[in-house]
Amino acid sequence: VQLQASGGGLVQAGGSLRLSCAASASRFNVLALAWYRQAPGRERESVASISAGGRTNYRYSVKERFAISRDNAKNTVHLQMNDLKPEDTAVYLCNAKWGSVSWWGQGTLVTVSS
């Protein structure tokens, strides 16, 4: 599975961005999908995930601000990010998982200015 993330950029605090991750996968619908982020000098952390069945989970700090969704017809997972804060600044990476196998995309940079 190859993953291509896009949609990052520079935004002012309070603004919004929508990240997308396109996957090359013959059975995209069975994959569990997630967004992670990694800020400079910090460990990678989970942001949001969505199961094959559509169940979502969010990091506490992004609940009510971020929304993950999947479009199985287009093999794409999105992360809508609203009310962005400077602490959301990071490289955002998409992840796909099936059983014990995991794949990573290359990441897209999100920079939130105060």
C-alpha atoms as a PDB file:
ATOM      1  CA  VAL A   1       0.000   0.000   0.000  1.00  0.00           C
ATOM      2  CA  GLN A   2       1.318   3.433  -0.934  1.00  0.00           C
ATOM      3  CA  LEU A   3      -0.010   6.501   0.844  1.00  0.00           C
ATOM      4  CA  GLN A   4       0.224  10.070  -0.431  1.00  0.00           C
ATOM      5  CA  ALA A   5      -0.679  12.855   1.977  1.00  0.00           C
ATOM      6  CA  SER A   6      -1.526  16.390   0.937  1.00  0.00           C
ATOM      7  CA  GLY A   7      -3.227  19.532   2.171  1.00  0.00           C
ATOM      8  CA  GLY A   8      -0.740  20.881   4.673  1.00  0.00           C
ATOM      9  CA  GLY A   9       0.336  24.492   4.763  1.00  0.00           C
ATOM     10  CA  LEU A  10       0.658  27.658   6.789  1.00  0.00           C
ATOM     11  CA  VAL A  11      -2.440  28.923   8.574  1.00  0.00           C
ATOM     12  CA  GLN A  12      -3.166  31.439  11.295  1.00  0.00           C
ATOM     13  CA  ALA A  13      -4.444  30.315  14.671  1.00  0.00           C
ATOM     14  CA  GLY A  14      -8.177  29.743  14.502  1.00  0.00           C
ATOM     15  CA  GLY A  15      -8.020  28.744  10.855  1.00  0.00           C
ATOM     16  CA  SER A  16      -8.816  25.464   9.154  1.00  0.00           C
ATOM     17  CA  LEU A  17      -7.097  22.957   6.926  1.00  0.00           C
ATOM     18  CA  ARG A  18      -8.217  19.728   5.328  1.00  0.00           C
ATOM     19  CA  LEU A  19      -5.667  16.988   4.918  1.00  0.00           C
ATOM     20  CA  SER A  20      -6.119  14.167   2.463  1.00  0.00           C
ATOM     21  CA  CYS A  21      -4.337  10.870   2.062  1.00  0.00           C
ATOM     22  CA  ALA A  22      -4.785   8.854  -1.091  1.00  0.00           C
ATOM     23  CA  ALA A  23      -4.008   5.169  -0.952  1.00  0.00           C
ATOM     24  CA  SER A  24      -3.142   2.691  -3.617  1.00  0.00           C
ATOM     25  CA  ALA A  25      -4.832  -0.394  -2.277  1.00  0.00           C
ATOM     26  CA  SER A  26      -7.034  -2.989  -3.886  1.00  0.00           C
ATOM     27  CA  ARG A  27      -8.988  -3.499  -0.684  1.00  0.00           C
ATOM     28  CA  PHE A  28      -8.980  -0.046   0.846  1.00  0.00           C
ATOM     29  CA  ASN A  29     -12.268  -0.688   2.584  1.00  0.00           C
ATOM     30  CA  VAL A  30     -10.765  -3.275   4.957  1.00  0.00           C
ATOM     31  CA  LEU A  31      -7.965  -1.021   6.162  1.00  0.00           C
ATOM     32  CA  ALA A  32      -7.922   0.800   9.469  1.00  0.00           C
ATOM     33  CA  LEU A  33      -6.725   4.340   8.840  1.00  0.00           C
ATOM     34  CA  ALA A  34      -5.179   6.946  11.065  1.00  0.00           C
ATOM     35  CA  TRP A  35      -3.464  10.293  11.173  1.00  0.00           C
ATOM     36  CA  TYR A  36      -0.393  10.828  13.328  1.00  0.00           C
ATOM     37  CA  ARG A  37       1.725  13.898  13.822  1.00  0.00           C
ATOM     38  CA  GLN A  38       5.261  14.621  14.851  1.00  0.00           C
ATOM     39  CA  ALA A  39       6.461  18.011  15.997  1.00  0.00           C
ATOM     40  CA  PRO A  40      10.175  18.913  16.073  1.00  0.00           C
ATOM     41  CA  GLY A  41      11.870  17.296  19.043  1.00  0.00           C
ATOM     42  CA  ARG A  42       8.785  15.371  20.025  1.00  0.00           C
ATOM     43  CA  GLU A  43       7.633  11.807  19.628  1.00  0.00           C
ATOM     44  CA  ARG A  44       5.113  10.809  17.024  1.00  0.00           C
ATOM     45  CA  GLU A  45       1.589  10.827  18.428  1.00  0.00           C
ATOM     46  CA  SER A  46      -1.756   9.554  17.263  1.00  0.00           C
ATOM     47  CA  VAL A  47      -4.252  12.228  16.268  1.00  0.00           C
ATOM     48  CA  ALA A  48      -7.284  10.386  14.938  1.00  0.00           C
ATOM     49  CA  SER A  49      -8.243   6.989  13.617  1.00  0.00           C
ATOM     50  CA  ILE A  50     -11.111   5.406  11.749  1.00  0.00           C
ATOM     51  CA  SER A  51     -11.787   1.705  11.541  1.00  0.00           C
ATOM     52  CA  ALA A  52     -12.923  -0.226   8.500  1.00  0.00           C
ATOM     53  CA  GLY A  53     -16.405  -0.017   9.928  1.00  0.00           C
ATOM     54  CA  GLY A  54     -16.242   3.751  10.412  1.00  0.00           C
ATOM     55  CA  ARG A  55     -15.642   3.934  14.136  1.00  0.00           C
ATOM     56  CA  THR A  56     -13.559   6.982  15.018  1.00  0.00           C
ATOM     57  CA  ASN A  57     -11.220   7.865  17.854  1.00  0.00           C
ATOM     58  CA  TYR A  58      -9.472  11.119  18.611  1.00  0.00           C
ATOM     59  CA  ARG A  59      -6.671  12.408  20.694  1.00  0.00           C
ATOM     60  CA  TYR A  60      -8.221  14.340  23.566  1.00  0.00           C
ATOM     61  CA  SER A  61      -6.581  17.620  22.583  1.00  0.00           C
ATOM     62  CA  VAL A  62      -8.189  17.604  19.117  1.00  0.00           C
ATOM     63  CA  LYS A  63     -11.664  16.367  19.986  1.00  0.00           C
ATOM     64  CA  GLU A  64     -14.388  18.817  18.897  1.00  0.00           C
ATOM     65  CA  ARG A  65     -11.887  20.449  16.491  1.00  0.00           C
ATOM     66  CA  PHE A  66     -10.758  17.686  14.133  1.00  0.00           C
ATOM     67  CA  ALA A  67     -12.807  15.178  12.154  1.00  0.00           C
ATOM     68  CA  ILE A  68     -11.507  12.108  10.354  1.00  0.00           C
ATOM     69  CA  SER A  69     -13.465  10.585   7.497  1.00  0.00           C
ATOM     70  CA  ARG A  70     -12.928   8.032   4.771  1.00  0.00           C
ATOM     71  CA  ASP A  71     -14.135   7.748   1.210  1.00  0.00           C
ATOM     72  CA  ASN A  72     -13.846   4.120   0.208  1.00  0.00           C
ATOM     73  CA  ALA A  73     -14.929   4.881  -3.353  1.00  0.00           C
ATOM     74  CA  LYS A  74     -11.927   7.171  -3.782  1.00  0.00           C
ATOM     75  CA  ASN A  75      -9.457   5.295  -1.541  1.00  0.00           C
ATOM     76  CA  THR A  76      -8.971   8.440   0.485  1.00  0.00           C
ATOM     77  CA  VAL A  77      -8.946   9.418   4.128  1.00  0.00           C
ATOM     78  CA  HIS A  78      -9.396  13.017   5.215  1.00  0.00           C
ATOM     79  CA  LEU A  79      -8.664  15.000   8.326  1.00  0.00           C
ATOM     80  CA  GLN A  80     -10.663  18.189   8.692  1.00  0.00           C
ATOM     81  CA  MET A  81      -8.907  20.454  11.172  1.00  0.00           C
ATOM     82  CA  ASN A  82     -10.723  23.462  12.568  1.00  0.00           C
ATOM     83  CA  ASP A  83      -9.791  26.070  15.158  1.00  0.00           C
ATOM     84  CA  LEU A  84      -6.130  25.267  14.690  1.00  0.00           C
ATOM     85  CA  LYS A  85      -3.710  26.185  17.450  1.00  0.00           C
ATOM     86  CA  PRO A  86       0.053  26.782  17.344  1.00  0.00           C
ATOM     87  CA  GLU A  87       0.527  23.540  19.258  1.00  0.00           C
ATOM     88  CA  ASP A  88      -0.992  21.678  16.303  1.00  0.00           C
ATOM     89  CA  THR A  89       2.110  22.538  14.274  1.00  0.00           C
ATOM     90  CA  ALA A  90       3.699  19.284  13.104  1.00  0.00           C
ATOM     91  CA  VAL A  91       4.261  16.967  10.199  1.00  0.00           C
ATOM     92  CA  TYR A  92       1.074  14.994   9.774  1.00  0.00           C
ATOM     93  CA  LEU A  93       1.387  11.425   8.545  1.00  0.00           C
ATOM     94  CA  CYS A  94      -1.271   9.024   7.420  1.00  0.00           C
ATOM     95  CA  ASN A  95      -1.182   5.399   8.374  1.00  0.00           C
ATOM     96  CA  ALA A  96      -2.982   2.348   7.070  1.00  0.00           C
ATOM     97  CA  LYS A  97      -3.160  -0.915   8.927  1.00  0.00           C
ATOM     98  CA  TRP A  98      -4.435  -4.379   8.213  1.00  0.00           C
ATOM     99  CA  GLY A  99      -3.906  -6.908  10.953  1.00  0.00           C
ATOM    100  CA  SER A 100      -0.299  -6.631  12.078  1.00  0.00           C
ATOM    101  CA  VAL A 101       0.886  -4.923   8.889  1.00  0.00           C
ATOM    102  CA  SER A 102       1.194  -1.136   8.817  1.00  0.00           C
ATOM    103  CA  TRP A 103       2.031   1.349   6.090  1.00  0.00           C
ATOM    104  CA  TRP A 104       3.036   5.015   6.343  1.00  0.00           C
ATOM    105  CA  GLY A 105       2.775   7.972   4.014  1.00  0.00           C
ATOM    106  CA  GLN A 106       5.460  10.626   3.676  1.00  0.00           C
ATOM    107  CA  GLY A 107       3.743  13.329   5.721  1.00  0.00           C
ATOM    108  CA  THR A 108       2.527  16.847   5.100  1.00  0.00           C
ATOM    109  CA  LEU A 109       3.634  19.876   7.122  1.00  0.00           C
ATOM    110  CA  VAL A 110       1.089  21.923   9.028  1.00  0.00           C
ATOM    111  CA  THR A 111       2.294  25.204  10.490  1.00  0.00           C
ATOM    112  CA  VAL A 112      -0.020  27.286  12.657  1.00  0.00           C
ATOM    113  CA  SER A 113       1.074  30.828  13.386  1.00  0.00           C
ATOM    114  CA  SER A 114      -0.063  32.707  16.476  1.00  0.00           C
END
